[in-house]
C-alpha atoms as a PDB file:
ATOM      1  CA  UNK A   1       0.138  -0.578   0.057  1.00  0.00           C
ATOM      2  CA  UNK A   2       0.977   3.447  -1.168  1.00  0.00           C
ATOM      3  CA  UNK A   3      -0.110   6.401   0.397  1.00  0.00           C
ATOM      4  CA  UNK A   4       0.530  10.441  -0.525  1.00  0.00           C
ATOM      5  CA  UNK A   5      -0.684  12.851   1.997  1.00  0.00           C
ATOM      6  CA  UNK A   6      -0.695  16.705   0.685  1.00  0.00           C
ATOM      7  CA  UNK A   7      -2.856  19.268   2.559  1.00  0.00           C
ATOM      8  CA  UNK A   8      -5.913  18.127   3.288  1.00  0.00           C
ATOM      9  CA  UNK A   9      -5.519  15.208   1.127  1.00  0.00           C
ATOM     10  CA  UNK A  10      -4.890  11.466   1.751  1.00  0.00           C
ATOM     11  CA  UNK A  11      -4.810   9.227  -1.487  1.00  0.00           C
ATOM     12  CA  UNK A  12      -3.930   5.321  -0.869  1.00  0.00           C
ATOM     13  CA  UNK A  13      -3.085   2.845  -3.696  1.00  0.00           C
ATOM     14  CA  UNK A  14      -3.618  -0.706  -2.902  1.00  0.00           C
ATOM     15  CA  UNK A  15      -2.219  -3.631  -5.303  1.00  0.00           C
ATOM     16  CA  UNK A  16      -4.031  -6.819  -6.421  1.00  0.00           C
ATOM     17  CA  UNK A  17      -3.184  -8.779  -3.361  1.00  0.00           C
ATOM     18  CA  UNK A  18      -4.299  -5.601  -1.029  1.00  0.00           C
ATOM     19  CA  UNK A  19      -7.753  -5.139  -2.869  1.00  0.00           C
ATOM     20  CA  UNK A  20      -8.039  -9.034  -2.397  1.00  0.00           C
ATOM     21  CA  UNK A  21      -7.037  -9.532   0.987  1.00  0.00           C
ATOM     22  CA  UNK A  22      -9.355  -6.157   2.197  1.00  0.00           C
ATOM     23  CA  UNK A  23     -12.388  -7.892   0.523  1.00  0.00           C
ATOM     24  CA  UNK A  24     -11.349 -11.432   1.892  1.00  0.00           C
ATOM     25  CA  UNK A  25     -10.257 -10.650   4.965  1.00  0.00           C
ATOM     26  CA  UNK A  26     -11.656  -7.226   5.817  1.00  0.00           C
ATOM     27  CA  UNK A  27      -8.434  -5.351   6.281  1.00  0.00           C
ATOM     28  CA  UNK A  28      -4.701  -4.748   5.009  1.00  0.00           C
ATOM     29  CA  UNK A  29      -2.283  -2.456   6.621  1.00  0.00           C
ATOM     30  CA  UNK A  30       1.663  -1.133   6.073  1.00  0.00           C
ATOM     31  CA  UNK A  31       3.965   0.949   8.063  1.00  0.00           C
ATOM     32  CA  UNK A  32       6.457   3.531   7.542  1.00  0.00           C
ATOM     33  CA  UNK A  33       9.219   3.485   9.967  1.00  0.00           C
ATOM     34  CA  UNK A  34      11.389   6.216  10.733  1.00  0.00           C
ATOM     35  CA  UNK A  35      14.970   6.251  12.385  1.00  0.00           C
ATOM     36  CA  UNK A  36      14.982   6.340  15.960  1.00  0.00           C
ATOM     37  CA  UNK A  37      12.326   3.459  16.205  1.00  0.00           C
ATOM     38  CA  UNK A  38       8.951   5.648  15.432  1.00  0.00           C
ATOM     39  CA  UNK A  39       6.310   4.286  12.905  1.00  0.00           C
ATOM     40  CA  UNK A  40       3.357   5.746  11.427  1.00  0.00           C
ATOM     41  CA  UNK A  41       1.053   2.787  10.729  1.00  0.00           C
ATOM     42  CA  UNK A  42      -1.990   3.245   8.503  1.00  0.00           C
ATOM     43  CA  UNK A  43      -4.847   0.683   8.002  1.00  0.00           C
ATOM     44  CA  UNK A  44      -7.642   0.092   5.840  1.00  0.00           C
ATOM     45  CA  UNK A  45     -10.460  -1.764   6.746  1.00  0.00           C
ATOM     46  CA  UNK A  46     -14.243  -2.912   5.414  1.00  0.00           C
ATOM     47  CA  UNK A  47     -17.284  -2.723   7.662  1.00  0.00           C
ATOM     48  CA  UNK A  48     -20.437  -4.122   7.941  1.00  0.00           C
ATOM     49  CA  UNK A  49     -22.212  -1.107   9.316  1.00  0.00           C
ATOM     50  CA  UNK A  50     -22.938   2.120   7.513  1.00  0.00           C
ATOM     51  CA  UNK A  51     -22.528   3.629   4.327  1.00  0.00           C
ATOM     52  CA  UNK A  52     -19.688   6.011   4.856  1.00  0.00           C
ATOM     53  CA  UNK A  53     -16.374   5.967   4.756  1.00  0.00           C
ATOM     54  CA  UNK A  54     -14.539   7.285   8.085  1.00  0.00           C
ATOM     55  CA  UNK A  55     -10.989   8.215   8.808  1.00  0.00           C
ATOM     56  CA  UNK A  56      -9.678   8.360  12.118  1.00  0.00           C
ATOM     57  CA  UNK A  57      -6.100   8.927  13.688  1.00  0.00           C
ATOM     58  CA  UNK A  58      -4.667   8.052  16.670  1.00  0.00           C
ATOM     59  CA  UNK A  59      -1.212   6.901  18.496  1.00  0.00           C
ATOM     60  CA  UNK A  60       0.780   7.340  15.399  1.00  0.00           C
ATOM     61  CA  UNK A  61      -2.038   4.982  13.381  1.00  0.00           C
ATOM     62  CA  UNK A  62      -4.365   6.165  10.302  1.00  0.00           C
ATOM     63  CA  UNK A  63      -7.629   3.969  10.158  1.00  0.00           C
ATOM     64  CA  UNK A  64      -9.994   4.224   7.153  1.00  0.00           C
ATOM     65  CA  UNK A  65     -12.858   2.256   7.025  1.00  0.00           C
ATOM     66  CA  UNK A  66     -14.878   1.011   4.169  1.00  0.00           C
ATOM     67  CA  UNK A  67     -18.661  -0.264   4.135  1.00  0.00           C
ATOM     68  CA  UNK A  68     -18.273  -3.621   2.948  1.00  0.00           C
ATOM     69  CA  UNK A  69     -20.506  -3.385   0.319  1.00  0.00           C
ATOM     70  CA  UNK A  70     -18.643  -0.664  -1.469  1.00  0.00           C
ATOM     71  CA  UNK A  71     -15.552  -2.250  -1.219  1.00  0.00           C
ATOM     72  CA  UNK A  72     -16.842  -5.841  -2.646  1.00  0.00           C
ATOM     73  CA  UNK A  73     -18.493  -3.355  -5.714  1.00  0.00           C
ATOM     74  CA  UNK A  74     -14.762  -1.793  -5.559  1.00  0.00           C
ATOM     75  CA  UNK A  75     -12.640  -5.226  -5.336  1.00  0.00           C
ATOM     76  CA  UNK A  76     -15.090  -7.239  -8.173  1.00  0.00           C
ATOM     77  CA  UNK A  77     -15.612  -4.926 -10.676  1.00  0.00           C
ATOM     78  CA  UNK A  78     -13.278  -2.005 -12.870  1.00  0.00           C
ATOM     79  CA  UNK A  79     -14.189   0.830 -10.723  1.00  0.00           C
ATOM     80  CA  UNK A  80     -10.583   2.358  -9.723  1.00  0.00           C
ATOM     81  CA  UNK A  81     -11.381   4.124  -6.652  1.00  0.00           C
ATOM     82  CA  UNK A  82     -13.332   4.957  -3.796  1.00  0.00           C
ATOM     83  CA  UNK A  83     -13.532   8.525  -2.301  1.00  0.00           C
ATOM     84  CA  UNK A  84     -14.984  10.633   0.350  1.00  0.00           C
ATOM     85  CA  UNK A  85     -14.866  13.942   1.700  1.00  0.00           C
ATOM     86  CA  UNK A  86     -15.406  14.150   5.261  1.00  0.00           C
ATOM     87  CA  UNK A  87     -15.885  17.186   6.699  1.00  0.00           C
ATOM     88  CA  UNK A  88     -13.539  18.719   9.307  1.00  0.00           C
ATOM     89  CA  UNK A  89     -15.281  22.038  10.746  1.00  0.00           C
ATOM     90  CA  UNK A  90     -14.911  25.437   9.403  1.00  0.00           C
ATOM     91  CA  UNK A  91     -15.831  24.492   5.930  1.00  0.00           C
ATOM     92  CA  UNK A  92     -12.704  22.054   5.453  1.00  0.00           C
ATOM     93  CA  UNK A  93     -12.711  18.828   4.470  1.00  0.00           C
ATOM     94  CA  UNK A  94     -10.639  15.925   4.212  1.00  0.00           C
ATOM     95  CA  UNK A  95     -10.077  14.250   1.011  1.00  0.00           C
ATOM     96  CA  UNK A  96      -9.718  10.408   0.887  1.00  0.00           C
ATOM     97  CA  UNK A  97      -9.029   8.588  -2.039  1.00  0.00           C
ATOM     98  CA  UNK A  98      -8.642   4.351  -2.356  1.00  0.00           C
ATOM     99  CA  UNK A  99      -7.281   2.932  -5.615  1.00  0.00           C
ATOM    100  CA  UNK A 100      -6.324   0.213  -7.510  1.00  0.00           C
ATOM    101  CA  UNK A 101      -2.549   0.996  -8.251  1.00  0.00           C
ATOM    102  CA  UNK A 102      -2.344   0.779 -12.215  1.00  0.00           C
ATOM    103  CA  UNK A 103       1.067   0.008 -13.436  1.00  0.00           C
ATOM    104  CA  UNK A 104       3.458   2.505 -15.110  1.00  0.00           C
ATOM    105  CA  UNK A 105       3.152   3.429 -18.811  1.00  0.00           C
ATOM    106  CA  UNK A 106       7.214   3.697 -18.488  1.00  0.00           C
ATOM    107  CA  UNK A 107       8.157   0.932 -16.758  1.00  0.00           C
ATOM    108  CA  UNK A 108      10.819   1.967 -13.793  1.00  0.00           C
ATOM    109  CA  UNK A 109      14.087  -0.489 -12.684  1.00  0.00           C
ATOM    110  CA  UNK A 110      13.445   0.261  -9.093  1.00  0.00           C
ATOM    111  CA  UNK A 111       9.717  -0.812  -8.940  1.00  0.00           C
ATOM    112  CA  UNK A 112       8.302  -4.207  -8.638  1.00  0.00           C
ATOM    113  CA  UNK A 113       4.918  -3.797 -10.829  1.00  0.00           C
ATOM    114  CA  UNK A 114       3.680  -7.660 -11.011  1.00  0.00           C
ATOM    115  CA  UNK A 115       0.894  -7.224  -8.980  1.00  0.00           C
ATOM    116  CA  UNK A 116      -0.384  -4.041  -9.818  1.00  0.00           C
ATOM    117  CA  UNK A 117      -3.347  -3.568 -12.075  1.00  0.00           C
ATOM    118  CA  UNK A 118      -2.902  -3.250 -16.033  1.00  0.00           C
ATOM    119  CA  UNK A 119      -2.995   0.598 -17.089  1.00  0.00           C
ATOM    120  CA  UNK A 120      -6.136   1.413 -18.774  1.00  0.00           C
ATOM    121  CA  UNK A 121      -4.184   3.198 -20.936  1.00  0.00           C
ATOM    122  CA  UNK A 122      -1.412   0.970 -22.098  1.00  0.00           C
ATOM    123  CA  UNK A 123      -3.146   0.225 -25.490  1.00  0.00           C
ATOM    124  CA  UNK A 124      -2.524   3.765 -26.091  1.00  0.00           C
ATOM    125  CA  UNK A 125       1.064   4.330 -25.143  1.00  0.00           C
ATOM    126  CA  UNK A 126       0.534   7.874 -22.617  1.00  0.00           C
ATOM    127  CA  UNK A 127      -1.542   8.638 -19.809  1.00  0.00           C
END
């Protein structure tokens, strides 16, 4: 799972095995370690109740919860992403984007793309 954080925006990209795990087992997680032993953990879970995405942050862990039905639709179709704007107050929002991770159009020597989804623009040769 790859994460990108910018302003009030979080983007998570999951490879095939992670999407399948989220659908079958109900969760995926990853850690980013820092010098000194600290870690930033992030976890995505499917949940039976509710119909909205939820996010929380506690003890260096970000948790994103997605309704089980939305996970099933995403995992079993060509749907690329799940997104939501969560209100923060004062008119601001946290933008969440959870996407299937696509292989790059131009292969990178330092990246294993064997478990990524085929890029939808691969036949066209450009993004």
